[in-house]
């Protein structure tokens, strides 16, 4: 039909938030991307030990700053101990973004 507009149907209505699982997956992907780009840590599963893959204590501190910038969130230094796997790191970021666990979302 030339000239008529086609309505795009989505699974979510405008303004709806993605599910917690979708937000967590997106956060894990962001953490993985940072690890790959900055620390050359690639090909690890979300549950693999990051220390065994080269993320030492100084790198964790740098990761904290990178996560704060990437996700526009404030994380506390005591959260660094949670940066043992991609999943745990993403969970710490999600908690801060959602107002739980010591960190704060930047406005």
PDB file of N, CA and C in Angstrom:
ATOM      1  N   UNK A   1       0.835  -1.180   0.000  1.00  0.00           N
ATOM      2  CA  UNK A   1       0.000   0.000   0.000  1.00  0.00           C
ATOM      3  C   UNK A   1       0.876   1.238   0.000  1.00  0.00           C
ATOM      4  N   UNK A   2       1.055   1.800  -1.138  1.00  0.00           N
ATOM      5  CA  UNK A   2       1.885   2.986  -1.264  1.00  0.00           C
ATOM      6  C   UNK A   2       1.262   4.156  -0.533  1.00  0.00           C
ATOM      7  N   UNK A   3       2.104   4.906   0.186  1.00  0.00           N
ATOM      8  CA  UNK A   3       1.633   6.098   0.866  1.00  0.00           C
ATOM      9  C   UNK A   3       1.060   5.862   2.252  1.00  0.00           C
ATOM     10  N   UNK A   4       0.756   4.631   2.624  1.00  0.00           N
ATOM     11  CA  UNK A   4       0.227   4.396   3.971  1.00  0.00           C
ATOM     12  C   UNK A   4       1.365   4.007   4.899  1.00  0.00           C
ATOM     13  N   UNK A   5       1.227   4.387   6.145  1.00  0.00           N
ATOM     14  CA  UNK A   5       2.262   4.076   7.124  1.00  0.00           C
ATOM     15  C   UNK A   5       1.965   2.727   7.752  1.00  0.00           C
ATOM     16  N   UNK A   6       3.014   1.971   7.962  1.00  0.00           N
ATOM     17  CA  UNK A   6       2.877   0.667   8.575  1.00  0.00           C
ATOM     18  C   UNK A   6       3.148   0.795  10.065  1.00  0.00           C
ATOM     19  N   UNK A   7       2.303   0.223  10.890  1.00  0.00           N
ATOM     20  CA  UNK A   7       2.499   0.282  12.335  1.00  0.00           C
ATOM     21  C   UNK A   7       3.484  -0.811  12.743  1.00  0.00           C
ATOM     22  N   UNK A   8       4.492  -0.408  13.517  1.00  0.00           N
ATOM     23  CA  UNK A   8       5.477  -1.363  14.014  1.00  0.00           C
ATOM     24  C   UNK A   8       4.969  -1.900  15.346  1.00  0.00           C
ATOM     25  N   UNK A   9       4.884  -3.195  15.440  1.00  0.00           N
ATOM     26  CA  UNK A   9       4.401  -3.833  16.667  1.00  0.00           C
ATOM     27  C   UNK A   9       5.605  -4.363  17.427  1.00  0.00           C
ATOM     28  N   UNK A  10       5.702  -3.993  18.695  1.00  0.00           N
ATOM     29  CA  UNK A  10       6.794  -4.469  19.536  1.00  0.00           C
ATOM     30  C   UNK A  10       6.229  -5.296  20.670  1.00  0.00           C
ATOM     31  N   UNK A  11       7.095  -6.054  21.310  1.00  0.00           N
ATOM     32  CA  UNK A  11       6.651  -6.874  22.429  1.00  0.00           C
ATOM     33  C   UNK A  11       6.486  -6.058  23.694  1.00  0.00           C
ATOM     34  N   UNK A  12       7.100  -4.854  23.738  1.00  0.00           N
ATOM     35  CA  UNK A  12       6.973  -3.984  24.896  1.00  0.00           C
ATOM     36  C   UNK A  12       6.330  -2.680  24.467  1.00  0.00           C
ATOM     37  N   UNK A  13       5.479  -2.154  25.264  1.00  0.00           N
ATOM     38  CA  UNK A  13       4.893  -0.851  25.000  1.00  0.00           C
ATOM     39  C   UNK A  13       5.912   0.214  25.368  1.00  0.00           C
ATOM     40  N   UNK A  14       5.806   1.371  24.765  1.00  0.00           N
ATOM     41  CA  UNK A  14       6.710   2.475  25.074  1.00  0.00           C
ATOM     42  C   UNK A  14       6.651   2.769  26.563  1.00  0.00           C
ATOM     43  N   UNK A  15       7.802   2.945  27.169  1.00  0.00           N
ATOM     44  CA  UNK A  15       7.870   3.256  28.590  1.00  0.00           C
ATOM     45  C   UNK A  15       8.036   2.031  29.471  1.00  0.00           C
ATOM     46  N   UNK A  16       7.765   0.851  28.967  1.00  0.00           N
ATOM     47  CA  UNK A  16       7.960  -0.365  29.760  1.00  0.00           C
ATOM     48  C   UNK A  16       9.449  -0.636  29.891  1.00  0.00           C
ATOM     49  N   UNK A  17       9.854  -1.098  31.048  1.00  0.00           N
ATOM     50  CA  UNK A  17      11.254  -1.473  31.260  1.00  0.00           C
ATOM     51  C   UNK A  17      11.451  -2.919  30.839  1.00  0.00           C
ATOM     52  N   UNK A  18      12.643  -3.221  30.314  1.00  0.00           N
ATOM     53  CA  UNK A  18      12.948  -4.623  30.018  1.00  0.00           C
ATOM     54  C   UNK A  18      12.940  -5.436  31.310  1.00  0.00           C
ATOM     55  N   UNK A  19      12.788  -6.711  31.186  1.00  0.00           N
ATOM     56  CA  UNK A  19      12.780  -7.585  32.360  1.00  0.00           C
ATOM     57  C   UNK A  19      14.120  -7.536  33.077  1.00  0.00           C
ATOM     58  N   UNK A  20      14.136  -7.978  34.331  1.00  0.00           N
ATOM     59  CA  UNK A  20      15.384  -8.022  35.096  1.00  0.00           C
ATOM     60  C   UNK A  20      16.402  -8.881  34.360  1.00  0.00           C
ATOM     61  N   UNK A  21      15.976  -9.995  33.808  1.00  0.00           N
ATOM     62  CA  UNK A  21      16.890 -10.889  33.095  1.00  0.00           C
ATOM     63  C   UNK A  21      17.509 -10.183  31.896  1.00  0.00           C
ATOM     64  N   UNK A  22      16.711  -9.439  31.157  1.00  0.00           N
ATOM     65  CA  UNK A  22      17.225  -8.714  29.992  1.00  0.00           C
ATOM     66  C   UNK A  22      18.206  -7.624  30.424  1.00  0.00           C
ATOM     67  N   UNK A  23      17.878  -6.911  31.511  1.00  0.00           N
ATOM     68  CA  UNK A  23      18.783  -5.869  32.010  1.00  0.00           C
ATOM     69  C   UNK A  23      20.091  -6.488  32.498  1.00  0.00           C
ATOM     70  N   UNK A  24      19.998  -7.624  33.161  1.00  0.00           N
ATOM     71  CA  UNK A  24      21.196  -8.308  33.662  1.00  0.00           C
ATOM     72  C   UNK A  24      22.061  -8.780  32.491  1.00  0.00           C
ATOM     73  N   UNK A  25      21.449  -9.348  31.486  1.00  0.00           N
ATOM     74  CA  UNK A  25      22.190  -9.818  30.312  1.00  0.00           C
ATOM     75  C   UNK A  25      22.907  -8.647  29.635  1.00  0.00           C
ATOM     76  N   UNK A  26      22.228  -7.523  29.523  1.00  0.00           N
ATOM     77  CA  UNK A  26      22.821  -6.331  28.920  1.00  0.00           C
ATOM     78  C   UNK A  26      24.010  -5.833  29.755  1.00  0.00           C
ATOM     79  N   UNK A  27      23.875  -5.885  31.068  1.00  0.00           N
ATOM     80  CA  UNK A  27      24.964  -5.467  31.954  1.00  0.00           C
ATOM     81  C   UNK A  27      26.142  -6.424  31.837  1.00  0.00           C
ATOM     82  N   UNK A  28      25.877  -7.726  31.801  1.00  0.00           N
ATOM     83  CA  UNK A  28      26.954  -8.712  31.628  1.00  0.00           C
ATOM     84  C   UNK A  28      27.691  -8.475  30.312  1.00  0.00           C
ATOM     85  N   UNK A  29      26.952  -8.150  29.267  1.00  0.00           N
ATOM     86  CA  UNK A  29      27.584  -7.876  27.977  1.00  0.00           C
ATOM     87  C   UNK A  29      28.473  -6.631  28.060  1.00  0.00           C
ATOM     88  N   UNK A  30      28.022  -5.611  28.785  1.00  0.00           N
ATOM     89  CA  UNK A  30      28.826  -4.406  28.972  1.00  0.00           C
ATOM     90  C   UNK A  30      30.093  -4.683  29.754  1.00  0.00           C
ATOM     91  N   UNK A  31      29.983  -5.503  30.805  1.00  0.00           N
ATOM     92  CA  UNK A  31      31.161  -5.877  31.601  1.00  0.00           C
ATOM     93  C   UNK A  31      32.137  -6.671  30.728  1.00  0.00           C
ATOM     94  N   UNK A  32      31.622  -7.620  29.966  1.00  0.00           N
ATOM     95  CA  UNK A  32      32.468  -8.435  29.080  1.00  0.00           C
ATOM     96  C   UNK A  32      33.206  -7.567  28.070  1.00  0.00           C
ATOM     97  N   UNK A  33      32.491  -6.591  27.526  1.00  0.00           N
ATOM     98  CA  UNK A  33      33.091  -5.687  26.549  1.00  0.00           C
ATOM     99  C   UNK A  33      34.239  -4.882  27.171  1.00  0.00           C
ATOM    100  N   UNK A  34      34.035  -4.357  28.384  1.00  0.00           N
ATOM    101  CA  UNK A  34      35.097  -3.619  29.071  1.00  0.00           C
ATOM    102  C   UNK A  34      36.308  -4.513  29.330  1.00  0.00           C
ATOM    103  N   UNK A  35      36.055  -5.732  29.785  1.00  0.00           N
ATOM    104  CA  UNK A  35      37.152  -6.658  30.066  1.00  0.00           C
ATOM    105  C   UNK A  35      37.941  -6.974  28.803  1.00  0.00           C
ATOM    106  N   UNK A  36      37.232  -7.142  27.711  1.00  0.00           N
ATOM    107  CA  UNK A  36      37.881  -7.451  26.436  1.00  0.00           C
ATOM    108  C   UNK A  36      38.684  -6.248  25.925  1.00  0.00           C
ATOM    109  N   UNK A  37      38.067  -5.069  25.943  1.00  0.00           N
ATOM    110  CA  UNK A  37      38.695  -3.875  25.383  1.00  0.00           C
ATOM    111  C   UNK A  37      39.886  -3.382  26.213  1.00  0.00           C
ATOM    112  N   UNK A  38      39.733  -3.354  27.520  1.00  0.00           N
ATOM    113  CA  UNK A  38      40.767  -2.737  28.369  1.00  0.00           C
ATOM    114  C   UNK A  38      41.795  -3.723  28.914  1.00  0.00           C
ATOM    115  N   UNK A  39      41.339  -4.936  29.229  1.00  0.00           N
ATOM    116  CA  UNK A  39      42.225  -5.885  29.906  1.00  0.00           C
ATOM    117  C   UNK A  39      42.578  -7.099  29.058  1.00  0.00           C
ATOM    118  N   UNK A  40      42.101  -7.118  27.814  1.00  0.00           N
ATOM    119  CA  UNK A  40      42.352  -8.229  26.899  1.00  0.00           C
ATOM    120  C   UNK A  40      41.904  -9.571  27.494  1.00  0.00           C
ATOM    121  N   UNK A  41      40.804  -9.527  28.231  1.00  0.00           N
ATOM    122  CA  UNK A  41      40.218 -10.745  28.788  1.00  0.00           C
ATOM    123  C   UNK A  41      38.988 -11.059  27.949  1.00  0.00           C
ATOM    124  N   UNK A  42      39.085 -12.106  27.145  1.00  0.00           N
ATOM    125  CA  UNK A  42      38.000 -12.453  26.231  1.00  0.00           C
ATOM    126  C   UNK A  42      37.758 -13.960  26.271  1.00  0.00           C
ATOM    127  N   UNK A  43      36.584 -14.342  25.862  1.00  0.00           N
ATOM    128  CA  UNK A  43      36.267 -15.761  25.763  1.00  0.00           C
ATOM    129  C   UNK A  43      36.028 -16.462  27.085  1.00  0.00           C
ATOM    130  N   UNK A  44      35.777 -15.707  28.143  1.00  0.00           N
ATOM    131  CA  UNK A  44      35.491 -16.321  29.437  1.00  0.00           C
ATOM    132  C   UNK A  44      33.979 -16.355  29.644  1.00  0.00           C
ATOM    133  N   UNK A  45      33.518 -17.379  30.302  1.00  0.00           N
ATOM    134  CA  UNK A  45      32.087 -17.473  30.595  1.00  0.00           C
ATOM    135  C   UNK A  45      31.743 -16.503  31.722  1.00  0.00           C
ATOM    136  N   UNK A  46      30.469 -16.258  31.901  1.00  0.00           N
ATOM    137  CA  UNK A  46      30.018 -15.327  32.939  1.00  0.00           C
ATOM    138  C   UNK A  46      30.339 -15.820  34.344  1.00  0.00           C
ATOM    139  N   UNK A  47      30.637 -17.110  34.494  1.00  0.00           N
ATOM    140  CA  UNK A  47      30.905 -17.651  35.827  1.00  0.00           C
ATOM    141  C   UNK A  47      32.378 -18.012  36.057  1.00  0.00           C
ATOM    142  N   UNK A  48      33.235 -17.771  35.074  1.00  0.00           N
ATOM    143  CA  UNK A  48      34.666 -18.073  35.244  1.00  0.00           C
ATOM    144  C   UNK A  48      35.343 -17.053  36.147  1.00  0.00           C
ATOM    145  N   UNK A  49      36.316 -17.523  36.906  1.00  0.00           N
ATOM    146  CA  UNK A  49      37.081 -16.674  37.819  1.00  0.00           C
ATOM    147  C   UNK A  49      37.925 -15.677  37.031  1.00  0.00           C
ATOM    148  N   UNK A  50      37.690 -14.392  37.264  1.00  0.00           N
ATOM    149  CA  UNK A  50      38.418 -13.356  36.540  1.00  0.00           C
ATOM    150  C   UNK A  50      39.864 -13.237  36.999  1.00  0.00           C
ATOM    151  N   UNK A  51      40.149 -13.565  38.258  1.00  0.00           N
ATOM    152  CA  UNK A  51      41.529 -13.524  38.754  1.00  0.00           C
ATOM    153  C   UNK A  51      42.381 -14.529  37.986  1.00  0.00           C
ATOM    154  N   UNK A  52      41.840 -15.710  37.767  1.00  0.00           N
ATOM    155  CA  UNK A  52      42.567 -16.743  37.020  1.00  0.00           C
ATOM    156  C   UNK A  52      42.785 -16.330  35.566  1.00  0.00           C
ATOM    157  N   UNK A  53      42.022 -15.356  35.113  1.00  0.00           N
ATOM    158  CA  UNK A  53      42.152 -14.862  33.741  1.00  0.00           C
ATOM    159  C   UNK A  53      42.895 -13.529  33.662  1.00  0.00           C
ATOM    160  N   UNK A  54      43.575 -13.141  34.757  1.00  0.00           N
ATOM    161  CA  UNK A  54      44.462 -11.986  34.722  1.00  0.00           C
ATOM    162  C   UNK A  54      43.956 -10.703  35.346  1.00  0.00           C
ATOM    163  N   UNK A  55      42.812 -10.720  36.000  1.00  0.00           N
ATOM    164  CA  UNK A  55      42.297  -9.490  36.615  1.00  0.00           C
ATOM    165  C   UNK A  55      42.779  -9.418  38.068  1.00  0.00           C
ATOM    166  N   UNK A  56      43.891  -8.708  38.289  1.00  0.00           N
ATOM    167  CA  UNK A  56      44.440  -8.588  39.641  1.00  0.00           C
ATOM    168  C   UNK A  56      43.765  -7.437  40.392  1.00  0.00           C
ATOM    169  N   UNK A  57      44.219  -7.172  41.605  1.00  0.00           N
ATOM    170  CA  UNK A  57      43.564  -6.166  42.459  1.00  0.00           C
ATOM    171  C   UNK A  57      43.659  -4.758  41.875  1.00  0.00           C
ATOM    172  N   UNK A  58      44.765  -4.406  41.248  1.00  0.00           N
ATOM    173  CA  UNK A  58      44.886  -3.085  40.624  1.00  0.00           C
ATOM    174  C   UNK A  58      43.949  -2.961  39.424  1.00  0.00           C
ATOM    175  N   UNK A  59      43.833  -4.032  38.667  1.00  0.00           N
ATOM    176  CA  UNK A  59      42.925  -4.030  37.515  1.00  0.00           C
ATOM    177  C   UNK A  59      41.472  -3.918  37.976  1.00  0.00           C
ATOM    178  N   UNK A  60      41.151  -4.520  39.110  1.00  0.00           N
ATOM    179  CA  UNK A  60      39.780  -4.415  39.645  1.00  0.00           C
ATOM    180  C   UNK A  60      39.443  -2.972  40.005  1.00  0.00           C
ATOM    181  N   UNK A  61      40.416  -2.262  40.551  1.00  0.00           N
ATOM    182  CA  UNK A  61      40.209  -0.857  40.892  1.00  0.00           C
ATOM    183  C   UNK A  61      39.970  -0.032  39.617  1.00  0.00           C
ATOM    184  N   UNK A  62      40.749  -0.311  38.583  1.00  0.00           N
ATOM    185  CA  UNK A  62      40.541   0.367  37.301  1.00  0.00           C
ATOM    186  C   UNK A  62      39.181  -0.003  36.702  1.00  0.00           C
ATOM    187  N   UNK A  63      38.816  -1.285  36.827  1.00  0.00           N
ATOM    188  CA  UNK A  63      37.513  -1.738  36.329  1.00  0.00           C
ATOM    189  C   UNK A  63      36.381  -0.992  37.020  1.00  0.00           C
ATOM    190  N   UNK A  64      36.521  -0.752  38.317  1.00  0.00           N
ATOM    191  CA  UNK A  64      35.506  -0.010  39.063  1.00  0.00           C
ATOM    192  C   UNK A  64      35.272   1.363  38.414  1.00  0.00           C
ATOM    193  N   UNK A  65      36.350   2.073  38.113  1.00  0.00           N
ATOM    194  CA  UNK A  65      36.227   3.398  37.489  1.00  0.00           C
ATOM    195  C   UNK A  65      35.604   3.291  36.093  1.00  0.00           C
ATOM    196  N   UNK A  66      35.994   2.283  35.333  1.00  0.00           N
ATOM    197  CA  UNK A  66      35.433   2.095  33.993  1.00  0.00           C
ATOM    198  C   UNK A  66      33.936   1.776  34.051  1.00  0.00           C
ATOM    199  N   UNK A  67      33.562   0.950  35.019  1.00  0.00           N
ATOM    200  CA  UNK A  67      32.142   0.598  35.183  1.00  0.00           C
ATOM    201  C   UNK A  67      31.323   1.825  35.562  1.00  0.00           C
ATOM    202  N   UNK A  68      31.880   2.658  36.435  1.00  0.00           N
ATOM    203  CA  UNK A  68      31.176   3.877  36.833  1.00  0.00           C
ATOM    204  C   UNK A  68      30.903   4.768  35.626  1.00  0.00           C
ATOM    205  N   UNK A  69      31.896   4.903  34.765  1.00  0.00           N
ATOM    206  CA  UNK A  69      31.709   5.737  33.565  1.00  0.00           C
ATOM    207  C   UNK A  69      30.746   5.088  32.582  1.00  0.00           C
ATOM    208  N   UNK A  70      30.929   3.812  32.328  1.00  0.00           N
ATOM    209  CA  UNK A  70      30.117   3.105  31.327  1.00  0.00           C
ATOM    210  C   UNK A  70      28.636   3.105  31.706  1.00  0.00           C
ATOM    211  N   UNK A  71      28.346   2.850  32.994  1.00  0.00           N
ATOM    212  CA  UNK A  71      26.963   2.683  33.424  1.00  0.00           C
ATOM    213  C   UNK A  71      26.407   3.896  34.175  1.00  0.00           C
ATOM    214  N   UNK A  72      27.198   4.973  34.259  1.00  0.00           N
ATOM    215  CA  UNK A  72      26.767   6.196  34.970  1.00  0.00           C
ATOM    216  C   UNK A  72      26.230   5.864  36.362  1.00  0.00           C
ATOM    217  N   UNK A  73      27.074   5.208  37.130  1.00  0.00           N
ATOM    218  CA  UNK A  73      26.696   4.772  38.470  1.00  0.00           C
ATOM    219  C   UNK A  73      27.885   4.967  39.400  1.00  0.00           C
ATOM    220  N   UNK A  74      27.603   5.204  40.679  1.00  0.00           N
ATOM    221  CA  UNK A  74      28.669   5.291  41.673  1.00  0.00           C
ATOM    222  C   UNK A  74      28.783   3.944  42.373  1.00  0.00           C
ATOM    223  N   UNK A  75      29.985   3.399  42.367  1.00  0.00           N
ATOM    224  CA  UNK A  75      30.262   2.136  43.036  1.00  0.00           C
ATOM    225  C   UNK A  75      31.247   2.405  44.160  1.00  0.00           C
ATOM    226  N   UNK A  76      31.138   1.650  45.224  1.00  0.00           N
ATOM    227  CA  UNK A  76      32.055   1.826  46.347  1.00  0.00           C
ATOM    228  C   UNK A  76      33.230   0.858  46.212  1.00  0.00           C
ATOM    229  N   UNK A  77      34.372   1.247  46.774  1.00  0.00           N
ATOM    230  CA  UNK A  77      35.562   0.401  46.676  1.00  0.00           C
ATOM    231  C   UNK A  77      35.375  -0.960  47.329  1.00  0.00           C
ATOM    232  N   UNK A  78      34.506  -1.045  48.333  1.00  0.00           N
ATOM    233  CA  UNK A  78      34.293  -2.357  48.953  1.00  0.00           C
ATOM    234  C   UNK A  78      33.555  -3.320  48.024  1.00  0.00           C
ATOM    235  N   UNK A  79      33.001  -2.819  46.934  1.00  0.00           N
ATOM    236  CA  UNK A  79      32.329  -3.678  45.957  1.00  0.00           C
ATOM    237  C   UNK A  79      33.340  -4.438  45.096  1.00  0.00           C
ATOM    238  N   UNK A  80      34.594  -4.001  45.108  1.00  0.00           N
ATOM    239  CA  UNK A  80      35.633  -4.637  44.290  1.00  0.00           C
ATOM    240  C   UNK A  80      35.734  -6.131  44.594  1.00  0.00           C
ATOM    241  N   UNK A  81      35.499  -6.505  45.830  1.00  0.00           N
ATOM    242  CA  UNK A  81      35.579  -7.928  46.193  1.00  0.00           C
ATOM    243  C   UNK A  81      34.513  -8.758  45.470  1.00  0.00           C
ATOM    244  N   UNK A  82      33.478  -8.098  44.940  1.00  0.00           N
ATOM    245  CA  UNK A  82      32.440  -8.809  44.175  1.00  0.00           C
ATOM    246  C   UNK A  82      32.849  -9.031  42.722  1.00  0.00           C
ATOM    247  N   UNK A  83      33.933  -8.427  42.276  1.00  0.00           N
ATOM    248  CA  UNK A  83      34.335  -8.514  40.884  1.00  0.00           C
ATOM    249  C   UNK A  83      35.125  -9.797  40.608  1.00  0.00           C
ATOM    250  N   UNK A  84      34.565 -10.938  40.971  1.00  0.00           N
ATOM    251  CA  UNK A  84      35.253 -12.212  40.795  1.00  0.00           C
ATOM    252  C   UNK A  84      34.852 -12.914  39.507  1.00  0.00           C
ATOM    253  N   UNK A  85      33.649 -12.646  39.032  1.00  0.00           N
ATOM    254  CA  UNK A  85      33.167 -13.201  37.767  1.00  0.00           C
ATOM    255  C   UNK A  85      32.409 -12.092  37.033  1.00  0.00           C
ATOM    256  N   UNK A  86      32.143 -12.314  35.770  1.00  0.00           N
ATOM    257  CA  UNK A  86      31.349 -11.343  35.019  1.00  0.00           C
ATOM    258  C   UNK A  86      29.962 -11.212  35.640  1.00  0.00           C
ATOM    259  N   UNK A  87      29.350 -12.326  36.006  1.00  0.00           N
ATOM    260  CA  UNK A  87      28.003 -12.288  36.593  1.00  0.00           C
ATOM    261  C   UNK A  87      27.967 -11.533  37.913  1.00  0.00           C
ATOM    262  N   UNK A  88      28.925 -11.798  38.787  1.00  0.00           N
ATOM    263  CA  UNK A  88      28.956 -11.098  40.088  1.00  0.00           C
ATOM    264  C   UNK A  88      29.227  -9.610  39.900  1.00  0.00           C
ATOM    265  N   UNK A  89      30.090  -9.275  38.955  1.00  0.00           N
ATOM    266  CA  UNK A  89      30.377  -7.870  38.674  1.00  0.00           C
ATOM    267  C   UNK A  89      29.119  -7.182  38.146  1.00  0.00           C
ATOM    268  N   UNK A  90      28.444  -7.826  37.214  1.00  0.00           N
ATOM    269  CA  UNK A  90      27.213  -7.265  36.647  1.00  0.00           C
ATOM    270  C   UNK A  90      26.140  -7.120  37.725  1.00  0.00           C
ATOM    271  N   UNK A  91      26.067  -8.081  38.626  1.00  0.00           N
ATOM    272  CA  UNK A  91      25.081  -8.017  39.714  1.00  0.00           C
ATOM    273  C   UNK A  91      25.349  -6.814  40.619  1.00  0.00           C
ATOM    274  N   UNK A  92      26.630  -6.542  40.906  1.00  0.00           N
ATOM    275  CA  UNK A  92      26.988  -5.382  41.730  1.00  0.00           C
ATOM    276  C   UNK A  92      26.580  -4.091  41.027  1.00  0.00           C
ATOM    277  N   UNK A  93      26.820  -4.014  39.728  1.00  0.00           N
ATOM    278  CA  UNK A  93      26.430  -2.832  38.954  1.00  0.00           C
ATOM    279  C   UNK A  93      24.909  -2.689  38.939  1.00  0.00           C
ATOM    280  N   UNK A  94      24.191  -3.771  38.686  1.00  0.00           N
ATOM    281  CA  UNK A  94      22.721  -3.729  38.636  1.00  0.00           C
ATOM    282  C   UNK A  94      22.165  -3.291  39.990  1.00  0.00           C
ATOM    283  N   UNK A  95      22.736  -3.802  41.072  1.00  0.00           N
ATOM    284  CA  UNK A  95      22.270  -3.416  42.405  1.00  0.00           C
ATOM    285  C   UNK A  95      22.432  -1.920  42.619  1.00  0.00           C
ATOM    286  N   UNK A  96      23.567  -1.382  42.205  1.00  0.00           N
ATOM    287  CA  UNK A  96      23.798   0.052  42.348  1.00  0.00           C
ATOM    288  C   UNK A  96      22.838   0.842  41.467  1.00  0.00           C
ATOM    289  N   UNK A  97      22.623   0.379  40.254  1.00  0.00           N
ATOM    290  CA  UNK A  97      21.711   1.068  39.336  1.00  0.00           C
ATOM    291  C   UNK A  97      20.272   1.065  39.851  1.00  0.00           C
ATOM    292  N   UNK A  98      19.918   0.012  40.527  1.00  0.00           N
ATOM    293  CA  UNK A  98      18.546  -0.125  41.006  1.00  0.00           C
ATOM    294  C   UNK A  98      18.395   0.327  42.451  1.00  0.00           C
ATOM    295  N   UNK A  99      19.460   0.977  42.983  1.00  0.00           N
ATOM    296  CA  UNK A  99      19.382   1.581  44.306  1.00  0.00           C
ATOM    297  C   UNK A  99      19.567   0.653  45.477  1.00  0.00           C
ATOM    298  N   UNK A 100      20.196  -0.503  45.243  1.00  0.00           N
ATOM    299  CA  UNK A 100      20.446  -1.446  46.330  1.00  0.00           C
ATOM    300  C   UNK A 100      21.935  -1.704  46.416  1.00  0.00           C
ATOM    301  N   UNK A 101      22.418  -2.041  47.563  1.00  0.00           N
ATOM    302  CA  UNK A 101      23.773  -2.556  47.677  1.00  0.00           C
ATOM    303  C   UNK A 101      24.900  -1.553  47.776  1.00  0.00           C
ATOM    304  N   UNK A 102      24.642  -0.320  48.170  1.00  0.00           N
ATOM    305  CA  UNK A 102      25.735   0.580  48.475  1.00  0.00           C
ATOM    306  C   UNK A 102      26.127   1.562  47.397  1.00  0.00           C
ATOM    307  N   UNK A 103      25.883   1.262  46.152  1.00  0.00           N
ATOM    308  CA  UNK A 103      26.222   2.203  45.086  1.00  0.00           C
ATOM    309  C   UNK A 103      25.042   3.104  44.805  1.00  0.00           C
ATOM    310  N   UNK A 104      25.272   4.116  43.994  1.00  0.00           N
ATOM    311  CA  UNK A 104      24.177   5.037  43.653  1.00  0.00           C
ATOM    312  C   UNK A 104      24.204   5.337  42.170  1.00  0.00           C
ATOM    313  N   UNK A 105      23.023   5.424  41.585  1.00  0.00           N
ATOM    314  CA  UNK A 105      22.896   5.826  40.195  1.00  0.00           C
ATOM    315  C   UNK A 105      23.126   7.322  40.113  1.00  0.00           C
ATOM    316  N   UNK A 106      23.911   7.733  39.116  1.00  0.00           N
ATOM    317  CA  UNK A 106      24.164   9.163  38.925  1.00  0.00           C
ATOM    318  C   UNK A 106      23.008   9.750  38.153  1.00  0.00           C
ATOM    319  N   UNK A 107      22.550  10.914  38.595  1.00  0.00           N
ATOM    320  CA  UNK A 107      21.441  11.564  37.908  1.00  0.00           C
ATOM    321  C   UNK A 107      21.920  12.575  36.922  1.00  0.00           C
TER     322      UNK A 107
END
